[in-house]
Protein backbone atom coordinates (compact mmCIF):
# COMPACT_ATOMS: atom_id res chain seq x y z
CA UNK A 1 199.34 11.35 -17.63
CA UNK A 2 199.04 11.34 -21.70
CA UNK A 3 196.27 9.83 -21.37
CA UNK A 4 195.03 11.87 -18.91
CA UNK A 5 195.50 15.27 -20.62
CA UNK A 6 194.34 13.23 -23.50
CA UNK A 7 191.02 14.13 -22.01
CA UNK A 8 191.07 17.49 -22.29
CA UNK A 9 192.69 17.98 -25.74
CA UNK A 10 190.30 20.19 -27.79
CA UNK A 11 188.51 17.76 -31.23
CA UNK A 12 188.26 19.86 -34.10
CA UNK A 13 185.14 21.74 -34.73
CA UNK A 14 182.41 19.84 -35.65
CA UNK A 15 184.24 16.52 -34.56
CA UNK A 16 183.27 16.79 -31.30
CA UNK A 17 181.20 13.88 -30.07
CA UNK A 18 177.98 13.32 -28.28
CA UNK A 19 178.25 13.91 -24.72
CA UNK A 20 176.14 12.12 -21.76
CA UNK A 21 175.96 13.61 -18.32
CA UNK A 22 177.46 9.88 -17.02
CA UNK A 23 179.56 8.93 -20.21
CA UNK A 24 182.95 8.19 -18.66
CA UNK A 25 184.08 8.22 -22.22
CA UNK A 26 182.73 11.56 -22.74
CA UNK A 27 185.58 14.84 -23.41
CA UNK A 28 185.51 17.96 -22.12
CA UNK A 29 185.87 20.23 -25.40
CA UNK A 30 186.69 23.36 -23.16
CA UNK A 31 188.87 22.01 -20.04
CA UNK A 32 191.82 22.25 -21.95
CA UNK A 33 190.88 26.60 -21.50
CA UNK A 34 190.27 26.43 -17.69
CA UNK A 35 193.64 23.92 -17.12
CA UNK A 36 196.55 25.61 -16.35
CA UNK A 37 199.97 25.03 -15.14
CA UNK A 38 199.35 25.94 -12.02
CA UNK A 39 196.99 22.71 -11.82
CA UNK A 40 199.34 20.32 -12.80
CA UNK A 41 201.58 20.93 -9.61
CA UNK A 42 199.11 20.28 -7.24
CA UNK A 43 198.90 16.65 -6.04
CA UNK A 44 195.55 15.44 -7.26
CA UNK A 45 193.05 16.12 -10.30
CA UNK A 46 189.66 15.08 -10.68
CA UNK A 47 187.56 15.82 -13.66
CA UNK A 48 183.51 16.52 -12.86
CA UNK A 49 180.70 16.73 -15.50
CA UNK A 50 178.17 19.47 -14.91
CA UNK A 51 176.24 16.80 -12.77
CA UNK A 52 179.48 16.31 -10.29
CA UNK A 53 180.09 12.80 -11.63
CA UNK A 54 183.76 11.17 -11.26
CA UNK A 55 184.99 11.74 -15.63
CA UNK A 56 188.99 10.72 -14.93
CA UNK A 57 191.69 11.56 -12.24
CA UNK A 58 195.31 11.22 -12.21
CA UNK A 59 197.06 8.97 -10.38
CA UNK A 60 197.99 10.96 -6.96
CA UNK A 61 194.00 11.94 -6.82
CA UNK A 62 193.05 8.14 -6.72
CA UNK A 63 196.17 7.83 -3.74
CA UNK A 64 193.90 10.29 -2.04
CA UNK A 65 190.72 8.76 -2.44
CA UNK A 66 192.54 5.15 -2.02
CA UNK A 67 190.38 3.46 -5.10
CA UNK A 68 190.97 3.00 -8.76
CA UNK A 69 189.51 4.88 -11.60
CA UNK A 70 186.89 2.59 -12.67
CA UNK A 71 185.40 1.82 -9.38
CA UNK A 72 184.45 5.51 -8.86
CA UNK A 73 183.85 6.46 -12.61
CA UNK A 74 180.41 7.70 -13.29
CA UNK A 75 180.15 8.17 -9.47
CA UNK A 76 179.15 11.48 -7.61
CA UNK A 77 182.26 12.91 -5.84
CA UNK A 78 180.32 12.85 -2.63
CA UNK A 79 179.32 9.22 -3.25
CA UNK A 80 183.37 8.89 -2.56
CA UNK A 81 183.99 11.20 0.12
CA UNK A 82 182.80 9.90 3.66
CA UNK A 83 179.40 10.18 4.37
CA UNK A 84 180.56 13.02 7.08
CA UNK A 85 182.07 15.08 4.81
CA UNK A 86 179.35 14.61 2.34
CA UNK A 87 176.68 15.76 4.76
CA UNK A 88 179.11 18.57 5.70
CA UNK A 89 180.17 19.93 2.68
CA UNK A 90 177.72 19.07 -0.21
CA UNK A 91 174.90 21.35 0.22
CA UNK A 92 177.33 24.40 1.40
CA UNK A 93 179.53 23.67 -1.94
CA UNK A 94 176.84 24.20 -4.09
CA UNK A 95 175.46 27.44 -2.39
CA UNK A 96 179.01 28.52 -2.90
CA UNK A 97 179.77 27.42 -6.16
CA UNK A 98 176.26 29.45 -7.14
CA UNK A 99 178.06 32.50 -6.50
CA UNK A 100 181.57 32.15 -6.82
CA UNK A 101 183.87 29.91 -8.75
CA UNK A 102 185.31 27.55 -6.32
CA UNK A 103 184.83 26.02 -3.38
CA UNK A 104 187.40 24.75 -0.09
CA UNK A 105 186.94 22.30 2.22
CA UNK A 106 189.28 20.05 4.16
CA UNK A 107 188.45 16.43 5.10
CA UNK A 108 190.33 14.26 7.94
CA UNK A 109 191.00 10.87 7.40
CA UNK A 110 191.21 9.67 11.24
CA UNK A 111 191.75 5.55 9.99
CA UNK A 112 195.32 7.36 8.73
CA UNK A 113 194.93 10.57 10.81
CA UNK A 114 195.05 12.62 7.62
CA UNK A 115 194.18 16.00 6.18
CA UNK A 116 193.14 16.31 2.36
CA UNK A 117 192.40 19.83 0.97
CA UNK A 118 189.66 19.51 -2.02
CA UNK A 119 189.36 22.17 -3.73
CA UNK A 120 186.50 22.75 -6.50
CA UNK A 121 186.60 25.06 -9.36
CA UNK A 122 183.82 25.68 -11.91
CA UNK A 123 185.07 25.50 -15.95
CA UNK A 124 183.17 25.49 -18.80
CA UNK A 125 182.83 21.28 -19.22
CA UNK A 126 181.88 20.61 -15.81
CA UNK A 127 184.43 21.13 -12.50
CA UNK A 128 188.07 20.73 -11.46
CA UNK A 129 188.76 19.30 -8.32
CA UNK A 130 192.80 19.68 -6.70
CA UNK A 131 193.64 17.60 -3.65
CA UNK A 132 196.06 18.28 -1.81
CA UNK A 133 197.90 17.49 1.75
CA UNK A 134 196.39 19.54 4.55
CA UNK A 135 198.12 18.30 7.48
CA UNK A 136 200.52 20.91 8.22
CA UNK A 137 198.39 23.90 7.81
CA UNK A 138 195.12 22.18 9.67
CA UNK A 139 197.51 21.69 12.09
CA UNK A 140 198.43 25.34 12.47
CA UNK A 141 194.72 26.20 12.52
CA UNK A 142 194.02 23.96 15.36
CA UNK A 143 197.00 25.62 18.04
CA UNK A 144 196.09 28.70 16.31
CA UNK A 145 192.56 28.21 17.18
CA UNK A 146 193.74 26.50 20.62
CA UNK A 147 195.90 29.68 21.16
CA UNK A 148 193.10 32.19 21.11
CA UNK A 149 191.05 29.61 23.29
CA UNK A 150 193.47 29.97 25.83
CA UNK A 151 193.83 33.67 25.58
CA UNK A 152 189.80 33.97 26.06
CA UNK A 153 190.27 31.35 28.97
CA UNK A 154 193.13 33.65 30.59
CA UNK A 155 191.15 37.32 29.19
CA UNK A 156 187.92 35.44 31.40
CA UNK A 157 189.52 34.36 34.51
CA UNK A 158 192.01 37.34 34.85
CA UNK A 159 190.92 38.47 38.33
CA UNK A 160 191.70 42.60 36.87
CA UNK A 161 188.83 44.20 35.48
CA UNK A 162 189.37 43.63 31.65
CA UNK A 163 187.39 44.45 28.90
CA UNK A 164 187.75 45.96 25.46
CA UNK A 165 186.94 48.45 22.86
CA UNK A 166 186.84 48.98 19.25
CA UNK A 167 189.26 51.97 18.68
CA UNK A 168 187.33 52.99 15.30
CA UNK A 169 183.69 52.72 17.13
CA UNK A 170 184.96 52.93 20.61
CA UNK A 171 182.06 50.44 21.04
CA UNK A 172 183.05 47.44 23.98
CA UNK A 173 183.11 44.04 22.55
CA UNK A 174 184.14 41.68 24.83
CA UNK A 175 184.47 41.58 28.95
CA UNK A 176 185.96 39.33 31.44
CA UNK A 177 184.43 38.19 34.26
CA UNK A 178 185.55 40.46 37.16
CA UNK A 179 184.45 43.54 34.86
CA UNK A 180 181.30 41.98 35.10
CA UNK A 181 181.36 41.92 39.05
CA UNK A 182 182.91 45.15 38.93
CA UNK A 183 180.66 47.32 37.22
CA UNK A 184 177.04 45.43 38.06
CA UNK A 185 176.55 45.03 34.40
CA UNK A 186 175.81 41.96 32.82
CA UNK A 187 177.51 40.93 29.87
CA UNK A 188 174.46 41.31 27.06
CA UNK A 189 174.25 44.92 28.28
CA UNK A 190 177.76 45.04 27.99
CA UNK A 191 178.52 44.97 24.73
CA UNK A 192 175.58 47.37 23.80
CA UNK A 193 178.16 50.50 25.71
CA UNK A 194 180.51 52.57 24.47
CA UNK A 195 183.94 52.80 26.45
CA UNK A 196 182.62 56.68 27.39
CA UNK A 197 180.05 55.00 29.62
CA UNK A 198 182.16 53.71 31.99
CA UNK A 199 183.42 57.03 32.66
CA UNK A 200 182.61 59.86 34.82
CA UNK A 201 181.89 63.01 32.23
CA UNK A 202 184.87 64.24 30.83
CA UNK A 203 187.24 61.56 32.02
CA UNK A 204 187.16 59.20 29.14
CA UNK A 205 188.97 61.58 27.08
CA UNK A 206 192.29 61.45 28.30
CA UNK A 207 192.55 57.76 27.22
CA UNK A 208 191.41 58.65 24.25
CA UNK A 209 193.81 61.65 23.17
CA UNK A 210 196.20 58.89 24.05
CA UNK A 211 194.73 56.52 21.32
CA UNK A 212 195.43 59.51 18.87
CA UNK A 213 199.11 60.48 19.84
CA UNK A 214 199.88 57.64 17.39
CA UNK A 215 202.05 55.71 20.63
CA UNK A 216 202.23 52.13 20.63
CA UNK A 217 202.49 49.37 23.37
CA UNK A 218 201.11 49.60 26.45
CA UNK A 219 200.36 52.82 28.33
CA UNK A 220 201.42 54.19 31.97
CA UNK A 221 199.41 53.02 35.26
CA UNK A 222 197.76 56.34 35.78
CA UNK A 223 194.55 57.39 38.49
CA UNK A 224 191.66 57.79 37.16
CA UNK A 225 187.63 57.26 38.02
CA UNK A 226 185.15 54.73 36.80
CA UNK A 227 181.25 54.53 37.02
CA UNK A 228 179.20 51.98 37.99
CA UNK A 229 176.04 50.47 36.99
CA UNK A 230 174.27 52.59 40.52
CA UNK A 231 175.98 55.39 39.71
CA UNK A 232 179.13 54.88 41.93
CA UNK A 233 182.33 56.34 41.28
CA UNK A 234 185.26 54.49 42.54
CA UNK A 235 188.92 55.32 42.39
CA UNK A 236 190.94 53.09 40.37
CA UNK A 237 194.65 52.62 38.72
CA UNK A 238 193.75 52.12 34.69
CA UNK A 239 195.94 50.80 31.69
CA UNK A 240 195.38 49.89 28.31
CA UNK A 241 197.37 48.19 25.52
CA UNK A 242 196.46 48.71 21.43
CA UNK A 243 195.88 44.76 20.18
CA UNK A 244 194.67 42.95 17.39
CA UNK A 245 191.42 41.43 18.92
CA UNK A 246 189.15 39.25 16.42
CA UNK A 247 190.18 40.85 13.74
CA UNK A 248 189.38 44.67 15.12
CA UNK A 249 191.82 47.17 15.91
CA UNK A 250 190.97 47.10 19.81
CA UNK A 251 192.61 48.62 22.73
CA UNK A 252 192.58 46.11 25.78
CA UNK A 253 191.96 48.20 29.24
CA UNK A 254 192.56 46.72 32.51
CA UNK A 255 192.26 48.23 36.13
CA UNK A 256 192.26 47.59 39.85
CA UNK A 257 189.88 49.11 42.56
CA UNK A 258 191.99 51.27 44.81
CA UNK A 259 189.32 53.09 46.52
CA UNK A 260 190.47 50.95 49.81
CA UNK A 261 194.08 52.06 49.41
CA UNK A 262 193.53 55.28 48.34
CA UNK A 263 191.47 55.93 51.70
CA UNK A 264 194.42 54.01 53.89
CA UNK A 265 196.76 55.96 52.10
CA UNK A 266 194.83 59.43 53.31
CA UNK A 267 194.27 57.97 56.63
CA UNK A 268 198.10 57.04 56.81
CA UNK A 269 199.43 60.41 55.23
CA UNK A 270 197.75 62.23 58.02
CA UNK A 271 198.93 60.33 60.33
CA UNK A 272 202.38 60.46 59.51
CA UNK A 273 201.75 64.66 59.37
CA UNK A 274 200.32 64.66 62.95
CA UNK A 275 203.17 62.18 63.89
CA UNK A 276 206.02 64.51 62.23
CA UNK A 277 204.63 67.58 64.43
CA UNK A 278 204.86 65.49 67.15
CA UNK A 279 208.42 64.77 66.90
CA UNK A 280 208.83 67.92 65.94
CA UNK A 281 207.46 69.40 69.44
CA UNK A 282 209.23 66.61 70.95
CA UNK A 283 212.66 67.47 69.10
CA UNK A 284 212.01 71.04 70.28
CA UNK A 285 211.56 70.42 73.70
CA UNK A 286 214.20 67.92 74.25
CA UNK A 287 216.37 70.52 72.60
CA UNK A 288 215.24 72.78 75.13
CA UNK A 289 215.63 70.52 77.87
CA UNK A 290 219.30 69.48 77.32
CA UNK A 291 220.37 73.40 76.72
CA UNK A 292 218.88 73.98 80.31
CA UNK A 293 219.95 70.95 81.70
CA UNK A 294 223.67 72.06 80.40
CA UNK A 295 222.88 75.61 81.74
CA UNK A 296 222.35 74.46 85.20
CA UNK A 297 225.05 71.84 84.74
CA UNK A 298 227.24 74.55 84.12
CA UNK A 299 225.46 76.49 86.75
CA UNK A 300 225.71 73.67 89.41
CA UNK A 301 229.60 72.77 89.10
CA UNK A 302 230.73 76.06 88.92
CA UNK A 303 229.24 76.85 92.35
CA UNK A 304 230.06 73.66 93.79
CA UNK A 305 233.55 74.27 93.07
CA UNK A 306 233.97 77.85 94.38
CA UNK A 307 232.56 75.95 97.45
CA UNK A 308 234.35 73.16 97.43
CA UNK A 309 237.51 75.32 96.52
CA UNK A 310 236.80 77.21 99.65
CA UNK A 311 236.01 74.12 101.94
CA UNK A 312 239.09 73.05 100.48
CA UNK A 313 241.17 75.97 101.43
CA UNK A 314 239.74 76.51 104.21
CA UNK A 315 240.54 72.68 105.41
CA UNK A 316 244.51 72.89 104.47
CA UNK A 317 244.49 76.13 106.76
CA UNK A 318 242.88 74.23 109.45
CA UNK A 319 245.56 70.93 109.39
CA UNK A 320 247.99 73.68 108.67
CA UNK A 321 247.38 76.11 111.87
CA UNK A 322 246.19 73.64 114.35
CA UNK A 323 247.87 71.18 113.89
CA UNK A 324 250.03 71.22 116.66
CA UNK A 325 246.74 71.84 118.78
CA UNK A 326 244.59 68.71 117.65
CA UNK A 327 244.87 65.03 118.29
CA UNK A 328 245.40 61.96 116.29
CA UNK A 329 241.68 61.84 115.66
CA UNK A 330 240.96 65.40 114.42
CA UNK A 331 243.76 65.14 112.01
CA UNK A 332 242.00 61.73 110.96
CA UNK A 333 239.01 64.31 110.63
CA UNK A 334 240.96 67.22 108.66
CA UNK A 335 241.96 64.54 106.28
CA UNK A 336 238.74 62.30 105.99
CA UNK A 337 237.37 66.24 105.00
CA UNK A 338 240.07 66.57 102.48
CA UNK A 339 239.77 63.33 100.71
CA UNK A 340 235.89 64.06 100.52
CA UNK A 341 236.37 67.46 99.42
CA UNK A 342 238.83 66.25 96.46
CA UNK A 343 236.45 63.24 95.56
CA UNK A 344 233.49 65.41 94.86
CA UNK A 345 235.43 68.13 92.76
CA UNK A 346 236.48 65.02 90.47
CA UNK A 347 232.86 63.79 90.68
CA UNK A 348 231.96 67.46 89.53
CA UNK A 349 234.46 67.23 87.27
CA UNK A 350 233.46 63.77 85.33
CA UNK A 351 229.63 65.07 85.61
CA UNK A 352 230.14 68.04 83.69
CA UNK A 353 232.63 66.17 81.24
CA UNK A 354 230.05 63.74 80.82
CA UNK A 355 227.05 66.31 80.04
CA UNK A 356 229.43 68.24 78.11
CA UNK A 357 230.70 65.38 75.47
CA UNK A 358 228.58 65.61 72.61
CA UNK A 359 229.10 69.52 72.33
CA UNK A 360 232.33 68.70 71.86
CA UNK A 361 232.08 66.33 69.19
CA UNK A 362 233.83 69.06 65.88
CA UNK A 363 235.59 67.62 63.10
CA UNK A 364 237.01 64.11 63.05
CA UNK A 365 240.98 64.68 62.43
CA UNK A 366 243.95 61.95 61.77
CA UNK A 367 245.34 62.23 65.81
CA UNK A 368 248.17 60.15 66.64
CA UNK A 369 247.71 58.35 69.82
CA UNK A 370 250.79 57.65 71.24
CA UNK A 371 251.99 61.21 72.25
CA UNK A 372 248.52 61.72 74.13
CA UNK A 373 249.27 58.27 76.21
CA UNK A 374 252.66 58.88 76.91
CA UNK A 375 251.35 62.05 78.54
CA UNK A 376 248.67 60.70 80.48
CA UNK A 377 250.89 57.55 81.52
CA UNK A 378 253.97 60.58 82.93
CA UNK A 379 251.04 62.08 84.77
CA UNK A 380 250.12 59.24 86.54
CA UNK A 381 253.80 58.32 87.64
CA UNK A 382 253.90 61.46 88.67
CA UNK A 383 250.83 61.15 91.31
CA UNK A 384 251.98 57.56 92.34
CA UNK A 385 255.94 57.61 91.49
CA UNK A 386 256.60 54.44 93.46
CA UNK A 387 254.94 52.28 91.33
CA UNK A 388 256.90 50.27 88.95
CA UNK A 389 254.05 49.39 85.71
CA UNK A 390 255.78 47.65 82.75
CA UNK A 391 254.03 49.67 79.77
CA UNK A 392 253.66 48.17 76.38
CA UNK A 393 252.38 50.12 73.53
CA UNK A 394 252.26 50.40 69.69
CA UNK A 395 254.90 52.71 67.84
CA UNK A 396 252.45 54.08 66.16
CA UNK A 397 248.64 54.49 67.34
CA UNK A 398 247.31 56.67 64.30
CA UNK A 399 243.25 57.06 63.67
CA UNK A 400 240.65 59.27 62.53
CA UNK A 401 238.72 60.96 65.47
CA UNK A 402 238.55 64.22 67.78
CA UNK A 403 241.47 64.72 69.43
CA UNK A 404 239.89 66.66 72.72
CA UNK A 405 237.51 62.98 73.30
CA UNK A 406 239.82 60.67 72.45
CA UNK A 407 242.16 62.16 75.31
CA UNK A 408 239.22 61.84 77.66
CA UNK A 409 238.70 58.98 76.75
CA UNK A 410 242.39 57.52 77.19
CA UNK A 411 242.41 59.27 80.35
CA UNK A 412 239.73 57.11 82.03
CA UNK A 413 240.99 54.01 80.18
CA UNK A 414 244.45 54.40 81.61
CA UNK A 415 243.46 56.14 85.21
CA UNK A 416 240.97 52.76 84.64
CA UNK A 417 243.72 50.43 84.46
CA UNK A 418 246.53 52.31 86.08
CA UNK A 419 244.14 51.89 89.29
CA UNK A 420 242.96 48.33 88.65
CA UNK A 421 246.47 47.18 89.01
CA UNK A 422 247.40 48.99 91.80
CA UNK A 423 248.02 45.64 94.18
CA UNK A 424 249.78 43.67 91.28
CA UNK A 425 253.91 43.79 92.16
CA UNK A 426 254.45 43.40 88.54
CA UNK A 427 251.81 45.08 86.68
CA UNK A 428 251.32 45.74 83.21
CA UNK A 429 249.13 48.21 80.76
CA UNK A 430 249.06 47.56 77.11
CA UNK A 431 247.48 49.54 74.44
CA UNK A 432 246.93 49.16 71.10
CA UNK A 433 244.69 49.44 68.01
CA UNK A 434 243.44 46.46 66.01
CA UNK A 435 240.69 46.18 62.87
CA UNK A 436 237.57 45.86 63.67
CA UNK A 437 234.86 44.07 62.17
CA UNK A 438 233.28 46.24 60.12
CA UNK A 439 235.06 47.42 56.69
CA UNK A 440 237.26 50.67 57.73
CA UNK A 441 237.33 50.30 61.33
CA UNK A 442 239.57 50.43 64.35
CA UNK A 443 239.29 49.45 67.41
CA UNK A 444 241.34 51.06 70.47
CA UNK A 445 242.07 48.58 73.19
CA UNK A 446 243.85 49.27 76.52
CA UNK A 447 244.27 45.59 78.70
CA UNK A 448 245.99 44.58 82.03
CA UNK A 449 246.59 42.35 84.75
CA UNK A 450 245.07 44.09 87.12
CA UNK A 451 241.79 42.57 89.52
CA UNK A 452 239.37 42.53 86.54
CA UNK A 453 236.00 41.65 86.80
CA UNK A 454 232.78 38.62 86.85
CA UNK A 455 231.80 38.94 83.28
CA UNK A 456 228.47 37.92 84.24
CA UNK A 457 227.89 41.87 85.28
CA UNK A 458 229.88 43.14 82.06
CA UNK A 459 226.43 44.39 81.20
CA UNK A 460 226.43 47.00 84.12
CA UNK A 461 230.13 48.33 83.76
CA UNK A 462 229.17 51.53 80.86
CA UNK A 463 226.62 52.44 82.84
CA UNK A 464 226.92 55.79 85.20
CA UNK A 465 227.42 55.34 89.28
CA UNK A 466 227.35 50.88 88.42
CA UNK A 467 230.67 49.71 90.27
CA UNK A 468 231.52 46.15 90.71
CA UNK A 469 234.60 46.57 93.25
CA UNK A 470 234.23 48.63 96.87
CA UNK A 471 235.35 52.12 96.63
CA UNK A 472 237.31 50.93 99.72
CA UNK A 473 239.41 48.45 97.54
CA UNK A 474 239.17 50.52 94.59
CA UNK A 475 238.60 54.46 94.98
CA UNK A 476 236.05 56.24 91.96
CA UNK A 477 232.95 57.90 91.29
CA UNK A 478 231.38 54.91 88.70
CA UNK A 479 231.76 57.79 85.95
CA UNK A 480 234.77 56.80 83.59
CA UNK A 481 233.90 53.62 81.87
CA UNK A 482 230.86 55.49 80.93
CA UNK A 483 232.78 58.72 79.87
CA UNK A 484 234.30 56.39 77.47
CA UNK A 485 230.85 55.19 76.21
CA UNK A 486 229.74 58.38 75.15
CA UNK A 487 232.94 59.01 73.45
CA UNK A 488 232.73 56.21 71.38
CA UNK A 489 228.69 56.82 71.15
CA UNK A 490 229.75 60.30 69.70
CA UNK A 491 232.47 58.67 67.21
CA UNK A 492 229.84 56.43 65.82
CA UNK A 493 231.02 53.44 67.67
CA UNK A 494 230.91 51.11 70.26
CA UNK A 495 232.25 49.69 73.75
CA UNK A 496 232.61 46.40 75.32
CA UNK A 497 235.36 44.85 77.93
CA UNK A 498 236.39 41.00 78.37
CA UNK A 499 237.79 39.25 81.87
CA UNK A 500 238.73 35.94 80.99
CA UNK A 501 238.67 33.81 84.28
CA UNK A 502 238.57 37.01 85.88
CA UNK A 503 242.49 38.08 84.96
CA UNK A 504 242.55 41.32 84.61
CA UNK A 505 240.98 43.25 82.02
CA UNK A 506 240.24 44.36 78.20
CA UNK A 507 238.44 47.31 76.91
CA UNK A 508 237.46 47.86 73.68
CA UNK A 509 236.03 51.15 71.70
CA UNK A 510 235.34 51.22 68.45
CA UNK A 511 236.29 54.01 66.36
CA UNK A 512 234.89 53.98 62.65
CA UNK A 513 237.03 55.72 59.75
CA UNK A 514 235.46 59.00 58.76
CA UNK A 515 237.12 60.92 56.60
CA UNK A 516 239.92 63.37 58.04
CA UNK A 517 239.64 67.14 57.76
CA UNK A 518 243.32 68.15 56.56
CA UNK A 519 243.82 71.73 57.91
């Protein structure tokens, strides 16, 4: 290094040797003034005279050049680097150094896959060339360029309409293929437009106001109109983001055509409005029909009950006053009349109950069904005191519901069980509450060892007037289970029945546990 630095020591005035352009022993008297500590930290240093011939080089530079000093002294720098690098940079370096103090270029040594950065700088005695490894920097540069190309590819291939304009000049300088197709404007013509050319009169001002507000990041999607090449205006959803694009402070605009969707939405809203009007009219019509039906039911049931009451009274008087003169056939006819009147009166009562159930919903409350069951069973025993039926019932049957409706449902369930166990010498009826499948749901169960039913027809059990047994075997009007189903529906629950091997039957009514009203 001492020998190398000695080349830069300045000789005393008048002692300077005669210099020749290609003299390897020539001293560069003013190089010392151009040399700095920063240069000494670089990996390699090569000294050139005014004709760019190599005068000297440090050991690190010779490693980069893969040669010896004696082999390259007196040759031009462009004779030492590869022919490709020389043809690419010699003329450019001459032009650059004519206007500035340095020129930088990078050489790729493909054999060793290395990158070397050359920095040529002018000095009074000629040129200084600094050499340093440029591999990492070049790698990052390639990655950056690849990233830019990748982003450009994504931008170009994006199916959404996208274009970019300069924030200051408002000039459009990038546009993707989707935008070219959407607007019908050629790419070259696009680059001559300002952003306001794509908006109908005044609509671009909203975008510009948002830009001047200083808000960073992407904007919210909003509706606006865009103007195509043929002058047609279309409705779009448009969003924009402030970005840096190829050194520009720019705005990226992205939009989607929603004209067809807007038309479809308009048609859908119109259809919904018409449907809503139709629904309201039908609801009003249904309300009126239900009111008329209820009025009719009440009127008919009241008139029927009065007529049935009169007919039952006359039949009783007939049996009481004229039984001595009536033969057995006449007495049989009177009893049939009384039985039919009683059955018809029960049917009227059940029809009225079924029609009025929705009006009795009321508010839910906590109800213990044990006293209700005991009262109903006591009434059944009074009607048929000779029967011996075993009753199994939980000690507490607490549930939330409407007391009146649950009483009606239990009356139908117990009456049904009492009736279908009539032919059993050792009959039993079981009443209980079990957890339902849904959270917060209880299921009221009434089971018996009566006649049961064929499971194939279980779907018909809870339909009005549907009977699975002959009325001669088990009297009834076929409305009891329909009433139970209606009570369950009013409570938001369901009903079902099971009869394994037709050995008895179990009826279930689910009761969602709504919040009870505390009085």
